[in-house]
Amino acid sequence: TMTVKAFGLSSAFQSKIICRSGSTCNLICKSWACNNMEYKCLEGATCNITPNGCKLDNSVDKVNGVMCPTVTGRVSRPGLPVRDLSKSVSENVISKTDDND
């Protein structure tokens, strides 16, 4: 399981989170922290977003003042190697905060 907490203003701006097959990933967004963030949910992964109003189909941009990430699906070219950072962060919780919590 990987949990990423993005709380500070633009703290995850232009970042990418990849949730791989067999993994459970939890993304917690506050304010504008997840604005312009890519949340890549690969086939076979369980991807969760808080607030719950953010949808995996990108049908909602903003929930009660919280910007939702852009969710993408499978890697466009299967077999293309992708650097796997999940091993180094899978047991960690990443948080950036500011006074806008």
PDB file of N, CA and C in Angstrom:
ATOM      1  N   THR A   1       0.842  -1.185   0.000  1.00  0.00           N
ATOM      2  CA  THR A   1       0.000   0.000   0.000  1.00  0.00           C
ATOM      3  C   THR A   1       0.880   1.239   0.000  1.00  0.00           C
ATOM      4  N   MET A   2       0.499   2.205  -0.808  1.00  0.00           N
ATOM      5  CA  MET A   2       1.188   3.490  -0.838  1.00  0.00           C
ATOM      6  C   MET A   2       0.160   4.578  -0.577  1.00  0.00           C
ATOM      7  N   THR A   3       0.466   5.485   0.320  1.00  0.00           N
ATOM      8  CA  THR A   3      -0.387   6.631   0.593  1.00  0.00           C
ATOM      9  C   THR A   3       0.409   7.897   0.344  1.00  0.00           C
ATOM     10  N   VAL A   4      -0.152   8.771  -0.471  1.00  0.00           N
ATOM     11  CA  VAL A   4       0.476  10.058  -0.753  1.00  0.00           C
ATOM     12  C   VAL A   4      -0.486  11.142  -0.290  1.00  0.00           C
ATOM     13  N   LYS A   5       0.021  12.044   0.561  1.00  0.00           N
ATOM     14  CA  LYS A   5      -0.763  13.175   1.050  1.00  0.00           C
ATOM     15  C   LYS A   5      -0.215  14.443   0.409  1.00  0.00           C
ATOM     16  N   ALA A   6      -1.043  15.106  -0.372  1.00  0.00           N
ATOM     17  CA  ALA A   6      -0.657  16.365  -1.015  1.00  0.00           C
ATOM     18  C   ALA A   6      -1.520  17.456  -0.390  1.00  0.00           C
ATOM     19  N   PHE A   7      -0.919  18.259   0.469  1.00  0.00           N
ATOM     20  CA  PHE A   7      -1.688  19.239   1.231  1.00  0.00           C
ATOM     21  C   PHE A   7      -1.314  20.681   0.909  1.00  0.00           C
ATOM     22  N   GLY A   8      -0.075  20.969   0.627  1.00  0.00           N
ATOM     23  CA  GLY A   8       0.360  22.349   0.420  1.00  0.00           C
ATOM     24  C   GLY A   8      -0.028  22.873  -0.946  1.00  0.00           C
ATOM     25  N   LEU A   9      -0.219  24.168  -1.056  1.00  0.00           N
ATOM     26  CA  LEU A   9      -0.588  24.813  -2.309  1.00  0.00           C
ATOM     27  C   LEU A   9       0.398  24.423  -3.410  1.00  0.00           C
ATOM     28  N   SER A  10      -0.108  23.787  -4.459  1.00  0.00           N
ATOM     29  CA  SER A  10       0.676  23.347  -5.621  1.00  0.00           C
ATOM     30  C   SER A  10       1.814  22.392  -5.257  1.00  0.00           C
ATOM     31  N   SER A  11       1.710  21.698  -4.129  1.00  0.00           N
ATOM     32  CA  SER A  11       2.796  20.816  -3.691  1.00  0.00           C
ATOM     33  C   SER A  11       3.021  19.633  -4.623  1.00  0.00           C
ATOM     34  N   ALA A  12       2.023  19.230  -5.383  1.00  0.00           N
ATOM     35  CA  ALA A  12       2.184  18.106  -6.307  1.00  0.00           C
ATOM     36  C   ALA A  12       2.060  18.547  -7.766  1.00  0.00           C
ATOM     37  N   PHE A  13       2.186  19.841  -8.007  1.00  0.00           N
ATOM     38  CA  PHE A  13       2.046  20.408  -9.347  1.00  0.00           C
ATOM     39  C   PHE A  13       2.985  19.715 -10.325  1.00  0.00           C
ATOM     40  N   GLN A  14       2.445  19.244 -11.438  1.00  0.00           N
ATOM     41  CA  GLN A  14       3.168  18.573 -12.517  1.00  0.00           C
ATOM     42  C   GLN A  14       3.909  17.308 -12.062  1.00  0.00           C
ATOM     43  N   SER A  15       3.425  16.669 -11.005  1.00  0.00           N
ATOM     44  CA  SER A  15       4.033  15.409 -10.575  1.00  0.00           C
ATOM     45  C   SER A  15       3.224  14.247 -11.128  1.00  0.00           C
ATOM     46  N   LYS A  16       3.786  13.050 -11.033  1.00  0.00           N
ATOM     47  CA  LYS A  16       3.112  11.847 -11.517  1.00  0.00           C
ATOM     48  C   LYS A  16       3.242  10.764 -10.452  1.00  0.00           C
ATOM     49  N   ILE A  17       2.116  10.144 -10.125  1.00  0.00           N
ATOM     50  CA  ILE A  17       2.095   8.995  -9.230  1.00  0.00           C
ATOM     51  C   ILE A  17       1.678   7.801 -10.079  1.00  0.00           C
ATOM     52  N   ILE A  18       2.421   6.710  -9.982  1.00  0.00           N
ATOM     53  CA  ILE A  18       2.090   5.505 -10.736  1.00  0.00           C
ATOM     54  C   ILE A  18       1.707   4.414  -9.746  1.00  0.00           C
ATOM     55  N   CYS A  19       0.492   3.891  -9.909  1.00  0.00           N
ATOM     56  CA  CYS A  19       0.014   2.792  -9.079  1.00  0.00           C
ATOM     57  C   CYS A  19       0.014   1.541  -9.961  1.00  0.00           C
ATOM     58  N   ARG A  20       0.861   0.589  -9.612  1.00  0.00           N
ATOM     59  CA  ARG A  20       1.066  -0.591 -10.443  1.00  0.00           C
ATOM     60  C   ARG A  20       0.110  -1.730 -10.112  1.00  0.00           C
ATOM     61  N   SER A  21      -0.024  -2.642 -11.035  1.00  0.00           N
ATOM     62  CA  SER A  21      -0.887  -3.807 -10.883  1.00  0.00           C
ATOM     63  C   SER A  21      -0.580  -4.530  -9.574  1.00  0.00           C
ATOM     64  N   GLY A  22      -1.627  -4.864  -8.820  1.00  0.00           N
ATOM     65  CA  GLY A  22      -1.479  -5.557  -7.551  1.00  0.00           C
ATOM     66  C   GLY A  22      -1.289  -4.630  -6.367  1.00  0.00           C
ATOM     67  N   SER A  23      -1.142  -3.339  -6.617  1.00  0.00           N
ATOM     68  CA  SER A  23      -0.927  -2.364  -5.551  1.00  0.00           C
ATOM     69  C   SER A  23      -2.228  -1.661  -5.180  1.00  0.00           C
ATOM     70  N   THR A  24      -2.276  -1.167  -3.953  1.00  0.00           N
ATOM     71  CA  THR A  24      -3.345  -0.285  -3.511  1.00  0.00           C
ATOM     72  C   THR A  24      -2.705   1.064  -3.237  1.00  0.00           C
ATOM     73  N   CYS A  25      -3.227   2.102  -3.864  1.00  0.00           N
ATOM     74  CA  CYS A  25      -2.666   3.441  -3.721  1.00  0.00           C
ATOM     75  C   CYS A  25      -3.752   4.397  -3.258  1.00  0.00           C
ATOM     76  N   ASN A  26      -3.412   5.210  -2.280  1.00  0.00           N
ATOM     77  CA  ASN A  26      -4.329   6.194  -1.719  1.00  0.00           C
ATOM     78  C   ASN A  26      -3.735   7.580  -1.922  1.00  0.00           C
ATOM     79  N   LEU A  27      -4.467   8.440  -2.606  1.00  0.00           N
ATOM     80  CA  LEU A  27      -4.045   9.821  -2.818  1.00  0.00           C
ATOM     81  C   LEU A  27      -5.004  10.723  -2.062  1.00  0.00           C
ATOM     82  N   ILE A  28      -4.452  11.536  -1.182  1.00  0.00           N
ATOM     83  CA  ILE A  28      -5.251  12.457  -0.382  1.00  0.00           C
ATOM     84  C   ILE A  28      -4.871  13.873  -0.787  1.00  0.00           C
ATOM     85  N   CYS A  29      -5.845  14.600  -1.330  1.00  0.00           N
ATOM     86  CA  CYS A  29      -5.603  15.959  -1.819  1.00  0.00           C
ATOM     87  C   CYS A  29      -6.338  16.975  -0.953  1.00  0.00           C
ATOM     88  N   LYS A  30      -5.707  18.120  -0.766  1.00  0.00           N
ATOM     89  CA  LYS A  30      -6.352  19.262  -0.115  1.00  0.00           C
ATOM     90  C   LYS A  30      -6.076  20.504  -0.954  1.00  0.00           C
ATOM     91  N   SER A  31      -7.017  21.413  -0.931  1.00  0.00           N
ATOM     92  CA  SER A  31      -6.895  22.700  -1.601  1.00  0.00           C
ATOM     93  C   SER A  31      -6.488  22.511  -3.076  1.00  0.00           C
ATOM     94  N   TRP A  32      -5.448  23.202  -3.511  1.00  0.00           N
ATOM     95  CA  TRP A  32      -4.967  23.137  -4.895  1.00  0.00           C
ATOM     96  C   TRP A  32      -3.736  22.242  -5.024  1.00  0.00           C
ATOM     97  N   ALA A  33      -3.459  21.408  -4.050  1.00  0.00           N
ATOM     98  CA  ALA A  33      -2.244  20.591  -4.041  1.00  0.00           C
ATOM     99  C   ALA A  33      -2.152  19.635  -5.228  1.00  0.00           C
ATOM    100  N   CYS A  34      -3.262  19.042  -5.672  1.00  0.00           N
ATOM    101  CA  CYS A  34      -3.240  18.051  -6.750  1.00  0.00           C
ATOM    102  C   CYS A  34      -3.536  18.635  -8.123  1.00  0.00           C
ATOM    103  N   ASN A  35      -3.602  19.957  -8.203  1.00  0.00           N
ATOM    104  CA  ASN A  35      -3.827  20.618  -9.483  1.00  0.00           C
ATOM    105  C   ASN A  35      -2.699  20.264 -10.449  1.00  0.00           C
ATOM    106  N   ASN A  36      -3.061  19.817 -11.636  1.00  0.00           N
ATOM    107  CA  ASN A  36      -2.102  19.459 -12.684  1.00  0.00           C
ATOM    108  C   ASN A  36      -1.191  18.302 -12.271  1.00  0.00           C
ATOM    109  N   MET A  37      -1.701  17.384 -11.457  1.00  0.00           N
ATOM    110  CA  MET A  37      -0.979  16.171 -11.080  1.00  0.00           C
ATOM    111  C   MET A  37      -1.542  15.010 -11.901  1.00  0.00           C
ATOM    112  N   GLU A  38      -0.683  14.100 -12.340  1.00  0.00           N
ATOM    113  CA  GLU A  38      -1.131  12.896 -13.038  1.00  0.00           C
ATOM    114  C   GLU A  38      -1.099  11.717 -12.074  1.00  0.00           C
ATOM    115  N   TYR A  39      -2.210  11.030 -11.977  1.00  0.00           N
ATOM    116  CA  TYR A  39      -2.348   9.836 -11.138  1.00  0.00           C
ATOM    117  C   TYR A  39      -2.576   8.677 -12.094  1.00  0.00           C
ATOM    118  N   LYS A  40      -1.526   7.916 -12.378  1.00  0.00           N
ATOM    119  CA  LYS A  40      -1.587   6.828 -13.350  1.00  0.00           C
ATOM    120  C   LYS A  40      -1.951   5.545 -12.629  1.00  0.00           C
ATOM    121  N   CYS A  41      -3.128   5.029 -12.941  1.00  0.00           N
ATOM    122  CA  CYS A  41      -3.643   3.822 -12.317  1.00  0.00           C
ATOM    123  C   CYS A  41      -3.579   2.692 -13.341  1.00  0.00           C
ATOM    124  N   LEU A  42      -2.571   1.822 -13.208  1.00  0.00           N
ATOM    125  CA  LEU A  42      -2.399   0.743 -14.168  1.00  0.00           C
ATOM    126  C   LEU A  42      -3.402  -0.381 -13.927  1.00  0.00           C
ATOM    127  N   GLU A  43      -3.686  -1.136 -14.976  1.00  0.00           N
ATOM    128  CA  GLU A  43      -4.644  -2.233 -14.892  1.00  0.00           C
ATOM    129  C   GLU A  43      -4.259  -3.186 -13.766  1.00  0.00           C
ATOM    130  N   GLY A  44      -5.226  -3.550 -12.934  1.00  0.00           N
ATOM    131  CA  GLY A  44      -4.982  -4.462 -11.827  1.00  0.00           C
ATOM    132  C   GLY A  44      -4.631  -3.765 -10.524  1.00  0.00           C
ATOM    133  N   ALA A  45      -4.543  -2.437 -10.546  1.00  0.00           N
ATOM    134  CA  ALA A  45      -4.249  -1.661  -9.335  1.00  0.00           C
ATOM    135  C   ALA A  45      -5.555  -1.170  -8.726  1.00  0.00           C
ATOM    136  N   THR A  46      -5.524  -0.915  -7.413  1.00  0.00           N
ATOM    137  CA  THR A  46      -6.656  -0.307  -6.721  1.00  0.00           C
ATOM    138  C   THR A  46      -6.253   1.116  -6.381  1.00  0.00           C
ATOM    139  N   CYS A  47      -6.938   2.082  -6.991  1.00  0.00           N
ATOM    140  CA  CYS A  47      -6.587   3.488  -6.818  1.00  0.00           C
ATOM    141  C   CYS A  47      -7.722   4.221  -6.108  1.00  0.00           C
ATOM    142  N   ASN A  48      -7.370   4.928  -5.054  1.00  0.00           N
ATOM    143  CA  ASN A  48      -8.347   5.686  -4.267  1.00  0.00           C
ATOM    144  C   ASN A  48      -7.933   7.144  -4.226  1.00  0.00           C
ATOM    145  N   ILE A  49      -8.937   8.033  -4.235  1.00  0.00           N
ATOM    146  CA  ILE A  49      -8.687   9.478  -4.140  1.00  0.00           C
ATOM    147  C   ILE A  49      -9.579  10.058  -3.057  1.00  0.00           C
ATOM    148  N   THR A  50      -9.001  10.901  -2.229  1.00  0.00           N
ATOM    149  CA  THR A  50      -9.750  11.695  -1.262  1.00  0.00           C
ATOM    150  C   THR A  50      -9.509  13.148  -1.625  1.00  0.00           C
ATOM    151  N   PRO A  51     -10.578  13.949  -1.788  1.00  0.00           N
ATOM    152  CA  PRO A  51     -11.959  13.689  -1.395  1.00  0.00           C
ATOM    153  C   PRO A  51     -12.637  12.693  -2.332  1.00  0.00           C
ATOM    154  N   ASN A  52     -13.615  11.992  -1.789  1.00  0.00           N
ATOM    155  CA  ASN A  52     -14.306  10.944  -2.527  1.00  0.00           C
ATOM    156  C   ASN A  52     -15.032  11.446  -3.769  1.00  0.00           C
ATOM    157  N   GLY A  53     -15.301  12.740  -3.847  1.00  0.00           N
ATOM    158  CA  GLY A  53     -15.980  13.289  -5.016  1.00  0.00           C
ATOM    159  C   GLY A  53     -15.114  13.322  -6.259  1.00  0.00           C
ATOM    160  N   CYS A  54     -13.792  13.241  -6.101  1.00  0.00           N
ATOM    161  CA  CYS A  54     -12.894  13.150  -7.258  1.00  0.00           C
ATOM    162  C   CYS A  54     -13.079  11.764  -7.869  1.00  0.00           C
ATOM    163  N   LYS A  55     -13.233  11.697  -9.171  1.00  0.00           N
ATOM    164  CA  LYS A  55     -13.551  10.442  -9.858  1.00  0.00           C
ATOM    165  C   LYS A  55     -12.394   9.959 -10.722  1.00  0.00           C
ATOM    166  N   LEU A  56     -12.250   8.642 -10.819  1.00  0.00           N
ATOM    167  CA  LEU A  56     -11.202   8.046 -11.647  1.00  0.00           C
ATOM    168  C   LEU A  56     -11.437   8.282 -13.136  1.00  0.00           C
ATOM    169  N   ASP A  57     -12.664   8.681 -13.520  1.00  0.00           N
ATOM    170  CA  ASP A  57     -12.957   8.942 -14.935  1.00  0.00           C
ATOM    171  C   ASP A  57     -12.770  10.424 -15.305  1.00  0.00           C
ATOM    172  N   ASN A  58     -12.228  11.219 -14.385  1.00  0.00           N
ATOM    173  CA  ASN A  58     -11.961  12.654 -14.615  1.00  0.00           C
ATOM    174  C   ASN A  58     -13.212  13.470 -14.871  1.00  0.00           C
ATOM    175  N   SER A  59     -14.361  12.981 -14.444  1.00  0.00           N
ATOM    176  CA  SER A  59     -15.611  13.705 -14.684  1.00  0.00           C
ATOM    177  C   SER A  59     -15.810  14.884 -13.727  1.00  0.00           C
ATOM    178  N   VAL A  60     -14.965  14.977 -12.709  1.00  0.00           N
ATOM    179  CA  VAL A  60     -15.053  16.064 -11.732  1.00  0.00           C
ATOM    180  C   VAL A  60     -13.677  16.718 -11.621  1.00  0.00           C
ATOM    181  N   ASP A  61     -13.625  18.036 -11.775  1.00  0.00           N
ATOM    182  CA  ASP A  61     -12.355  18.766 -11.670  1.00  0.00           C
ATOM    183  C   ASP A  61     -12.054  19.236 -10.256  1.00  0.00           C
ATOM    184  N   LYS A  62     -13.125  19.542  -9.501  1.00  0.00           N
ATOM    185  CA  LYS A  62     -12.961  20.203  -8.208  1.00  0.00           C
ATOM    186  C   LYS A  62     -14.097  19.776  -7.287  1.00  0.00           C
ATOM    187  N   VAL A  63     -13.774  19.507  -6.008  1.00  0.00           N
ATOM    188  CA  VAL A  63     -14.772  19.101  -5.018  1.00  0.00           C
ATOM    189  C   VAL A  63     -14.609  19.981  -3.784  1.00  0.00           C
ATOM    190  N   ASN A  64     -15.622  20.777  -3.487  1.00  0.00           N
ATOM    191  CA  ASN A  64     -15.598  21.660  -2.309  1.00  0.00           C
ATOM    192  C   ASN A  64     -14.287  22.434  -2.185  1.00  0.00           C
ATOM    193  N   GLY A  65     -13.819  23.002  -3.294  1.00  0.00           N
ATOM    194  CA  GLY A  65     -12.603  23.806  -3.291  1.00  0.00           C
ATOM    195  C   GLY A  65     -11.316  23.009  -3.401  1.00  0.00           C
ATOM    196  N   VAL A  66     -11.394  21.681  -3.516  1.00  0.00           N
ATOM    197  CA  VAL A  66     -10.202  20.827  -3.648  1.00  0.00           C
ATOM    198  C   VAL A  66     -10.072  20.405  -5.107  1.00  0.00           C
ATOM    199  N   MET A  67      -8.916  20.699  -5.696  1.00  0.00           N
ATOM    200  CA  MET A  67      -8.665  20.313  -7.085  1.00  0.00           C
ATOM    201  C   MET A  67      -8.364  18.817  -7.157  1.00  0.00           C
ATOM    202  N   CYS A  68      -8.944  18.156  -8.159  1.00  0.00           N
ATOM    203  CA  CYS A  68      -8.727  16.726  -8.366  1.00  0.00           C
ATOM    204  C   CYS A  68      -7.556  16.507  -9.326  1.00  0.00           C
ATOM    205  N   PRO A  69      -6.841  15.383  -9.200  1.00  0.00           N
ATOM    206  CA  PRO A  69      -5.769  15.072 -10.141  1.00  0.00           C
ATOM    207  C   PRO A  69      -6.344  14.608 -11.476  1.00  0.00           C
ATOM    208  N   THR A  70      -5.492  14.515 -12.478  1.00  0.00           N
ATOM    209  CA  THR A  70      -5.865  13.924 -13.755  1.00  0.00           C
ATOM    210  C   THR A  70      -5.500  12.450 -13.690  1.00  0.00           C
ATOM    211  N   VAL A  71      -6.493  11.587 -13.823  1.00  0.00           N
ATOM    212  CA  VAL A  71      -6.264  10.148 -13.735  1.00  0.00           C
ATOM    213  C   VAL A  71      -6.066   9.591 -15.134  1.00  0.00           C
ATOM    214  N   THR A  72      -4.999   8.816 -15.309  1.00  0.00           N
ATOM    215  CA  THR A  72      -4.734   8.161 -16.584  1.00  0.00           C
ATOM    216  C   THR A  72      -4.703   6.658 -16.351  1.00  0.00           C
ATOM    217  N   GLY A  73      -4.811   5.908 -17.443  1.00  0.00           N
ATOM    218  CA  GLY A  73      -4.914   4.452 -17.337  1.00  0.00           C
ATOM    219  C   GLY A  73      -3.638   3.736 -17.670  1.00  0.00           C
ATOM    220  N   ARG A  74      -3.765   2.718 -18.475  1.00  0.00           N
ATOM    221  CA  ARG A  74      -2.649   1.837 -18.794  1.00  0.00           C
ATOM    222  C   ARG A  74      -1.517   2.588 -19.484  1.00  0.00           C
ATOM    223  N   VAL A  75      -0.294   2.039 -19.355  1.00  0.00           N
ATOM    224  CA  VAL A  75       0.850   2.576 -20.091  1.00  0.00           C
ATOM    225  C   VAL A  75       0.540   2.430 -21.572  1.00  0.00           C
ATOM    226  N   SER A  76       0.749   3.485 -22.353  1.00  0.00           N
ATOM    227  CA  SER A  76       0.320   3.479 -23.750  1.00  0.00           C
ATOM    228  C   SER A  76       1.070   2.453 -24.597  1.00  0.00           C
ATOM    229  N   ARG A  77       2.302   2.123 -24.233  1.00  0.00           N
ATOM    230  CA  ARG A  77       3.054   1.119 -24.981  1.00  0.00           C
ATOM    231  C   ARG A  77       3.490   0.023 -24.019  1.00  0.00           C
ATOM    232  N   PRO A  78       2.672  -1.040 -23.872  1.00  0.00           N
ATOM    233  CA  PRO A  78       3.026  -2.120 -22.951  1.00  0.00           C
ATOM    234  C   PRO A  78       4.415  -2.664 -23.255  1.00  0.00           C
ATOM    235  N   GLY A  79       5.149  -2.991 -22.220  1.00  0.00           N
ATOM    236  CA  GLY A  79       6.493  -3.527 -22.373  1.00  0.00           C
ATOM    237  C   GLY A  79       7.570  -2.469 -22.304  1.00  0.00           C
ATOM    238  N   LEU A  80       7.194  -1.206 -22.437  1.00  0.00           N
ATOM    239  CA  LEU A  80       8.164  -0.129 -22.339  1.00  0.00           C
ATOM    240  C   LEU A  80       8.612  -0.012 -20.893  1.00  0.00           C
ATOM    241  N   PRO A  81       9.900  -0.112 -20.613  1.00  0.00           N
ATOM    242  CA  PRO A  81      10.344  -0.053 -19.216  1.00  0.00           C
ATOM    243  C   PRO A  81      10.073   1.315 -18.599  1.00  0.00           C
ATOM    244  N   VAL A  82       9.584   1.303 -17.368  1.00  0.00           N
ATOM    245  CA  VAL A  82       9.332   2.517 -16.613  1.00  0.00           C
ATOM    246  C   VAL A  82      10.116   2.396 -15.320  1.00  0.00           C
ATOM    247  N   ARG A  83      10.822   3.419 -14.948  1.00  0.00           N
ATOM    248  CA  ARG A  83      11.590   3.389 -13.709  1.00  0.00           C
ATOM    249  C   ARG A  83      10.638   3.189 -12.539  1.00  0.00           C
ATOM    250  N   ASP A  84      10.881   2.162 -11.738  1.00  0.00           N
ATOM    251  CA  ASP A  84       9.992   1.804 -10.636  1.00  0.00           C
ATOM    252  C   ASP A  84      10.486   2.445  -9.343  1.00  0.00           C
ATOM    253  N   LEU A  85       9.803   3.509  -8.922  1.00  0.00           N
ATOM    254  CA  LEU A  85      10.156   4.184  -7.683  1.00  0.00           C
ATOM    255  C   LEU A  85       9.338   3.661  -6.511  1.00  0.00           C
ATOM    256  N   SER A  86       8.380   2.782  -6.780  1.00  0.00           N
ATOM    257  CA  SER A  86       7.470   2.342  -5.726  1.00  0.00           C
ATOM    258  C   SER A  86       8.181   1.581  -4.615  1.00  0.00           C
ATOM    259  N   LYS A  87       9.261   0.888  -4.931  1.00  0.00           N
ATOM    260  CA  LYS A  87       9.964   0.126  -3.902  1.00  0.00           C
ATOM    261  C   LYS A  87      10.566   1.040  -2.835  1.00  0.00           C
ATOM    262  N   SER A  88      10.979   2.225  -3.218  1.00  0.00           N
ATOM    263  CA  SER A  88      11.612   3.119  -2.259  1.00  0.00           C
ATOM    264  C   SER A  88      10.614   3.930  -1.445  1.00  0.00           C
ATOM    265  N   VAL A  89       9.363   4.035  -1.922  1.00  0.00           N
ATOM    266  CA  VAL A  89       8.396   4.863  -1.205  1.00  0.00           C
ATOM    267  C   VAL A  89       7.146   4.125  -0.769  1.00  0.00           C
ATOM    268  N   SER A  90       7.049   2.840  -1.070  1.00  0.00           N
ATOM    269  CA  SER A  90       5.787   2.141  -0.830  1.00  0.00           C
ATOM    270  C   SER A  90       5.380   2.102   0.634  1.00  0.00           C
ATOM    271  N   GLU A  91       6.314   2.157   1.542  1.00  0.00           N
ATOM    272  CA  GLU A  91       5.968   2.113   2.960  1.00  0.00           C
ATOM    273  C   GLU A  91       5.998   3.496   3.604  1.00  0.00           C
ATOM    274  N   ASN A  92       6.228   4.517   2.802  1.00  0.00           N
ATOM    275  CA  ASN A  92       6.312   5.879   3.330  1.00  0.00           C
ATOM    276  C   ASN A  92       5.048   6.659   3.048  1.00  0.00           C
ATOM    277  N   VAL A  93       4.829   7.677   3.818  1.00  0.00           N
ATOM    278  CA  VAL A  93       3.767   8.638   3.566  1.00  0.00           C
ATOM    279  C   VAL A  93       4.459   9.945   3.247  1.00  0.00           C
ATOM    280  N   ILE A  94       4.138  10.516   2.093  1.00  0.00           N
ATOM    281  CA  ILE A  94       4.776  11.749   1.647  1.00  0.00           C
ATOM    282  C   ILE A  94       3.822  12.882   1.924  1.00  0.00           C
ATOM    283  N   SER A  95       4.247  13.866   2.691  1.00  0.00           N
ATOM    284  CA  SER A  95       3.390  15.001   3.011  1.00  0.00           C
ATOM    285  C   SER A  95       4.139  16.308   2.794  1.00  0.00           C
ATOM    286  N   LYS A  96       3.447  17.257   2.211  1.00  0.00           N
ATOM    287  CA  LYS A  96       3.919  18.633   2.128  1.00  0.00           C
ATOM    288  C   LYS A  96       2.756  19.471   2.626  1.00  0.00           C
ATOM    289  N   THR A  97       3.005  20.344   3.564  1.00  0.00           N
ATOM    290  CA  THR A  97       1.922  21.140   4.108  1.00  0.00           C
ATOM    291  C   THR A  97       2.275  22.607   4.105  1.00  0.00           C
ATOM    292  N   ASP A  98       1.226  23.419   4.167  1.00  0.00           N
ATOM    293  CA  ASP A  98       1.406  24.847   4.372  1.00  0.00           C
ATOM    294  C   ASP A  98       0.235  25.327   5.215  1.00  0.00           C
ATOM    295  N   ASP A  99       0.087  26.603   5.337  1.00  0.00           N
ATOM    296  CA  ASP A  99      -0.952  27.159   6.194  1.00  0.00           C
ATOM    297  C   ASP A  99      -2.354  27.063   5.601  1.00  0.00           C
ATOM    298  N   ASN A 100      -2.478  26.533   4.354  1.00  0.00           N
ATOM    299  CA  ASN A 100      -3.771  26.453   3.684  1.00  0.00           C
ATOM    300  C   ASN A 100      -4.509  25.146   3.949  1.00  0.00           C
ATOM    301  N   ASP A 101      -4.100  24.364   4.938  1.00  0.00           N
ATOM    302  CA  ASP A 101      -4.750  23.073   5.220  1.00  0.00           C
ATOM    303  C   ASP A 101      -6.171  23.253   5.655  1.00  0.00           C
TER     304      ASP A 101
END
